[in-house]
Structures are given as C-alpha cells and as structure tokens.
Amino acid sequence: MSDWLEHTVQVEVPVSIENVWNLWSDLEQMPRWMKWIDSVDILSDNPELSRWKLASGGFEFSWLSRIVNIVPQQIIQWESVDGLPNRGAIRFYNRGDSASIVKLSVAYKIPGILGKLMDDLFLGRIVESTIQADMERFRNYAVQAVQKS
C-alpha cells in the first residue's frame, strides 16, 4: 500500500498574469528555477505529454507526465502516466496592478509506512522548503525576464 504526500506553496510575483503564464506554460524552461528538475522534454508527437527528469544528490528519477487540464492564465494540471507517481497543479491568480499569485500543489506517492515515517521526520519539510525556494527563484526569474523584454 502506498500513500500520497501533498505539498502546496505560493508566491506573489510583481509581474502581470500574462507574463507569469507565458513563463510557466513553457515547461521546458522549468529547470531554470526548479532546483531538482534536471530536464523537461515535450514529446513532439503529442504536446500534452512530457518527459521529466529529477536529479538531486546522486538520486535520479524520471516520469512521463500528461497535462489533464489547462485553462490559460488560470491552471495547468498534470499527472504522471509512468515512472515516478505524481500529480499536481499550478494555479494563477491576477492581483491587478501587474502582480500575480502563483500557487503550486504537488503530490507524490511513496510506500505506506515509509511515507509516514519519512514525512513525519523530514521528507515533507525538505520537499516543501525546496518547492517554496523554487517558487521564490521563479519570482526572481520572472522579474528579470520582464525587465529584459
């Protein structure tokens, strides 16, 4: 039996919703701000599918992900279809005055008892602090991208 662990973080970005959306919806650029993501490759024969590679501290995982819901400037929702079991959504909220809220929810599956022990001890805190740092890197990346354009 396996358990799903879920984490949600958000960040306010001083950039318009249009710019935030354009940056996030280019999935292949994610390794620029997501520490553990080594690569994202969109499949040329099916753009709803992408191959992800996660690498950190000698560990490497990969999975094939499918976009299950996309509403421009509102949500991108995905689920893995093979490899590392995961699912999640990135949501976008327009704050007006050229500001946006970006909220990321990620869930992943690990074996039952191992999941409870690891989440209670350290895994949950490590994952959550890492994705929060990723979101803060995205905020900086978005600000720099807009300044360059």
Protein backbone atom coordinates (compact mmCIF):
# COMPACT_ATOMS: atom_id res chain seq x y z
CA MET A 1 0.00 0.00 0.00
CA SER A 2 1.21 3.50 -0.84
CA ASP A 3 0.35 6.94 0.46
CA TRP A 4 0.19 10.22 -1.38
CA LEU A 5 2.04 13.12 0.21
CA GLU A 6 0.93 16.57 -0.91
CA HIS A 7 2.53 20.00 -0.57
CA THR A 8 1.21 23.42 -1.56
CA VAL A 9 3.21 26.63 -1.70
CA GLN A 10 2.58 30.02 -3.25
CA VAL A 11 4.38 33.21 -4.09
CA GLU A 12 3.33 36.70 -5.10
CA VAL A 13 5.09 37.81 -8.27
CA PRO A 14 5.26 41.51 -9.21
CA VAL A 15 4.62 40.63 -12.85
CA SER A 16 1.42 40.59 -14.94
CA ILE A 17 -0.59 37.40 -15.18
CA GLU A 18 0.11 37.27 -18.93
CA ASN A 19 3.88 37.24 -18.38
CA VAL A 20 3.69 34.77 -15.49
CA TRP A 21 1.53 32.45 -17.60
CA ASN A 22 3.86 32.65 -20.59
CA LEU A 23 6.88 31.74 -18.48
CA TRP A 24 5.22 28.80 -16.66
CA SER A 25 3.49 27.35 -19.70
CA ASP A 26 6.90 26.90 -21.38
CA LEU A 27 7.55 23.70 -19.40
CA GLU A 28 10.98 23.08 -20.91
CA GLN A 29 12.25 26.22 -19.13
CA MET A 30 11.39 24.92 -15.63
CA PRO A 31 14.90 23.70 -14.79
CA ARG A 32 15.90 27.38 -14.76
CA TRP A 33 14.07 27.86 -11.44
CA MET A 34 13.24 24.37 -10.13
CA LYS A 35 16.28 23.02 -8.26
CA TRP A 36 15.53 19.29 -8.55
CA ILE A 37 14.25 19.31 -12.13
CA ASP A 38 17.12 18.41 -14.44
CA SER A 39 15.14 18.45 -17.70
CA VAL A 40 11.66 18.61 -19.23
CA ASP A 41 11.16 17.48 -22.81
CA ILE A 42 7.83 17.93 -24.61
CA LEU A 43 7.07 14.96 -26.85
CA SER A 44 6.94 16.15 -30.45
CA ASP A 45 4.23 13.67 -31.46
CA ASN A 46 1.95 14.57 -28.50
CA PRO A 47 2.44 18.02 -26.88
CA GLU A 48 0.20 17.00 -23.93
CA LEU A 49 2.96 14.58 -22.86
CA SER A 50 6.36 15.50 -21.45
CA ARG A 51 9.32 13.50 -20.13
CA TRP A 52 10.65 14.82 -16.79
CA LYS A 53 13.94 14.05 -15.10
CA LEU A 54 14.56 14.83 -11.43
CA ALA A 55 18.13 14.69 -10.15
CA SER A 56 19.44 15.56 -6.69
CA GLY A 57 22.27 14.29 -4.52
CA GLY A 58 23.02 11.24 -6.64
CA PHE A 59 19.35 10.28 -6.99
CA GLU A 60 17.67 10.34 -10.36
CA PHE A 61 14.04 9.72 -11.26
CA SER A 62 12.11 10.18 -14.45
CA TRP A 63 8.49 10.05 -15.47
CA LEU A 64 6.14 10.74 -18.33
CA SER A 65 3.59 13.39 -17.47
CA ARG A 66 0.29 14.27 -19.13
CA ILE A 67 -1.48 17.63 -18.98
CA VAL A 68 -5.01 16.78 -17.82
CA ASN A 69 -6.41 20.31 -17.56
CA ILE A 70 -5.27 23.62 -18.91
CA VAL A 71 -7.10 26.93 -18.68
CA PRO A 72 -4.95 29.81 -19.96
CA GLN A 73 -3.86 32.21 -17.20
CA GLN A 74 -5.65 30.08 -14.58
CA ILE A 75 -4.40 26.50 -14.22
CA ILE A 76 -2.11 23.80 -15.56
CA GLN A 77 -2.90 20.40 -14.04
CA TRP A 78 -0.90 17.22 -14.64
CA GLU A 79 -0.46 13.59 -13.64
CA SER A 80 2.29 11.10 -14.32
CA VAL A 81 1.45 8.22 -16.63
CA ASP A 82 4.62 6.20 -15.98
CA GLY A 83 7.70 6.39 -13.78
CA LEU A 84 7.65 8.37 -10.51
CA PRO A 85 3.95 8.59 -9.44
CA ASN A 86 3.00 12.26 -9.06
CA ARG A 87 0.27 14.78 -9.84
CA GLY A 88 -0.37 18.41 -9.22
CA ALA A 89 -1.47 21.79 -10.41
CA ILE A 90 -0.10 25.27 -10.84
CA ARG A 91 -2.73 27.96 -10.36
CA PHE A 92 -2.51 31.62 -11.34
CA TYR A 93 -4.37 34.49 -9.69
CA ASN A 94 -4.42 38.00 -11.12
CA ARG A 95 -3.74 40.57 -8.38
CA GLY A 96 -4.09 43.53 -10.74
CA ASP A 97 -1.53 46.32 -10.90
CA SER A 98 0.91 43.98 -12.68
CA ALA A 99 1.06 41.40 -9.89
CA SER A 100 0.09 37.73 -9.73
CA ILE A 101 -0.14 34.92 -7.21
CA VAL A 102 1.30 31.60 -8.34
CA LYS A 103 0.24 28.57 -6.27
CA LEU A 104 1.85 25.17 -6.78
CA SER A 105 0.40 21.92 -5.42
CA VAL A 106 2.43 18.73 -5.85
CA ALA A 107 1.54 15.22 -4.70
CA TYR A 108 3.71 12.12 -4.95
CA LYS A 109 3.31 8.51 -3.98
CA ILE A 110 5.67 6.57 -1.72
CA PRO A 111 5.24 3.25 0.13
CA GLY A 112 2.81 3.47 3.09
CA ILE A 113 4.85 3.03 6.29
CA LEU A 114 7.95 4.56 4.73
CA GLY A 115 5.89 7.58 3.71
CA LYS A 116 4.54 8.16 7.20
CA LEU A 117 7.97 7.84 8.81
CA MET A 118 9.74 9.99 6.25
CA ASP A 119 7.05 12.67 6.14
CA ASP A 120 6.87 12.95 9.93
CA LEU A 121 10.64 13.13 10.27
CA PHE A 122 12.00 15.14 7.41
CA LEU A 123 10.85 14.40 3.87
CA GLY A 124 7.79 16.64 3.96
CA ARG A 125 9.72 19.61 5.33
CA ILE A 126 12.54 19.14 2.82
CA VAL A 127 10.19 18.89 -0.16
CA GLU A 128 8.08 21.84 0.96
CA SER A 129 11.06 24.10 1.66
CA THR A 130 12.60 23.13 -1.69
CA ILE A 131 9.49 23.91 -3.72
CA GLN A 132 9.00 27.17 -1.79
CA ALA A 133 12.58 28.12 -2.71
CA ASP A 134 11.80 27.12 -6.32
CA MET A 135 8.82 29.47 -6.30
CA GLU A 136 10.96 32.30 -4.96
CA ARG A 137 13.51 31.61 -7.72
CA PHE A 138 10.63 31.75 -10.21
CA ARG A 139 9.60 35.16 -8.84
CA ASN A 140 13.15 36.45 -9.41
CA TYR A 141 13.32 34.80 -12.85
CA ALA A 142 10.00 36.38 -13.88
CA VAL A 143 11.05 39.86 -12.73
CA GLN A 144 14.34 39.58 -14.63
CA ALA A 145 12.62 38.22 -17.76
CA VAL A 146 10.18 41.15 -17.82
CA GLN A 147 12.97 43.69 -17.24
CA LYS A 148 14.91 42.27 -20.21
CA SER A 149 11.94 42.46 -22.57
